[in-house]
Amino acid sequence: METINWLLVYIYSLANLLGKFLLDVLSLIFHFSNYPVKLIDPIGFLMILTIFFVVVIYARRIAKWILIISWIFIAFRIAIVIYQS
């Protein structure tokens, strides 16, 4: 139970930091000084979900190419073994 609590606190802290960071960057770009504090956490959680989504998409693509290249190497190895004997 302690591990789950630690993980949730870590995720919340990360979301809070990311939300503050994005709103600070937006305030520099659009020159506004006050932003709603209630937007920090939802924006941070959306950023975490977006980062997770992008990582999952690219991880599937990378894993697919690794699998294809591995099968090609195995096929070459089998062909080498067959032709050597």
Protein backbone atom coordinates (compact mmCIF):
# COMPACT_ATOMS: atom_id res chain seq x y z
CA MET A 1 0.00 0.00 0.00
CA GLU A 2 2.91 2.31 0.73
CA THR A 3 4.32 1.79 -2.78
CA ILE A 4 1.03 2.73 -4.42
CA ASN A 5 0.78 5.84 -2.27
CA TRP A 6 4.35 6.83 -3.16
CA LEU A 7 3.68 6.26 -6.88
CA LEU A 8 0.50 8.36 -6.84
CA VAL A 9 2.24 11.20 -4.98
CA TYR A 10 5.09 11.08 -7.51
CA ILE A 11 2.69 11.20 -10.47
CA TYR A 12 0.73 14.07 -8.91
CA SER A 13 3.92 16.02 -8.20
CA LEU A 14 5.13 15.48 -11.75
CA ALA A 15 1.76 16.59 -13.15
CA ASN A 16 1.82 19.68 -10.98
CA LEU A 17 5.34 20.60 -12.11
CA LEU A 18 4.54 20.01 -15.78
CA GLY A 19 1.34 22.04 -15.54
CA LYS A 20 3.15 24.95 -13.87
CA PHE A 21 5.91 24.76 -16.47
CA LEU A 22 3.51 24.86 -19.42
CA LEU A 23 1.48 27.71 -17.97
CA ASP A 24 4.66 29.66 -17.22
CA VAL A 25 5.82 29.17 -20.81
CA LEU A 26 2.41 30.25 -22.11
CA SER A 27 2.46 33.31 -19.86
CA LEU A 28 5.83 34.29 -21.33
CA ILE A 29 4.58 33.86 -24.89
CA PHE A 30 1.18 35.53 -24.48
CA HIS A 31 2.20 38.04 -21.77
CA PHE A 32 -0.44 37.32 -19.16
CA SER A 33 0.43 37.44 -15.50
CA ASN A 34 -2.48 35.66 -13.86
CA TYR A 35 -3.57 32.19 -14.85
CA PRO A 36 -6.17 30.08 -13.09
CA VAL A 37 -4.49 27.88 -10.51
CA LYS A 38 -7.19 25.26 -11.05
CA LEU A 39 -5.76 24.60 -14.52
CA ILE A 40 -2.32 23.50 -13.32
CA ASP A 41 -3.20 19.91 -12.37
CA PRO A 42 -5.48 19.04 -15.33
CA ILE A 43 -2.95 20.41 -17.82
CA GLY A 44 -0.17 18.48 -16.09
CA PHE A 45 -2.11 15.22 -16.17
CA LEU A 46 -2.94 15.76 -19.84
CA MET A 47 0.75 16.30 -20.53
CA ILE A 48 1.63 13.05 -18.73
CA LEU A 49 -1.00 11.15 -20.72
CA THR A 50 0.22 12.68 -23.97
CA ILE A 51 3.84 11.77 -23.24
CA PHE A 52 2.77 8.21 -22.34
CA PHE A 53 0.72 7.95 -25.54
CA VAL A 54 3.63 9.12 -27.72
CA VAL A 55 6.04 6.72 -26.02
CA VAL A 56 3.65 3.79 -26.52
CA ILE A 57 3.14 4.62 -30.20
CA TYR A 58 6.84 4.83 -30.95
CA ALA A 59 7.70 1.84 -28.78
CA ARG A 60 5.35 -0.32 -30.84
CA ARG A 61 6.98 0.87 -34.06
CA ILE A 62 10.48 0.27 -32.73
CA ALA A 63 9.53 -3.16 -31.38
CA LYS A 64 8.01 -4.08 -34.76
CA TRP A 65 11.21 -3.20 -36.61
CA ILE A 66 13.36 -5.03 -34.08
CA LEU A 67 11.19 -8.11 -34.52
CA ILE A 68 11.38 -7.94 -38.33
CA ILE A 69 15.16 -7.47 -38.34
CA SER A 70 15.58 -10.31 -35.84
CA TRP A 71 13.62 -12.69 -38.08
CA ILE A 72 15.75 -11.67 -41.06
CA PHE A 73 18.96 -12.35 -39.09
CA ILE A 74 17.61 -15.74 -37.96
CA ALA A 75 16.73 -16.62 -41.56
CA PHE A 76 20.26 -15.69 -42.68
CA ARG A 77 21.75 -17.76 -39.85
CA ILE A 78 19.63 -20.79 -40.82
CA ALA A 79 20.65 -20.36 -44.46
CA ILE A 80 24.34 -20.18 -43.49
CA VAL A 81 24.05 -23.32 -41.37
CA ILE A 82 22.25 -25.21 -44.16
CA TYR A 83 24.76 -24.25 -46.86
CA GLN A 84 27.82 -24.97 -44.69
CA SER A 85 26.82 -28.56 -44.02
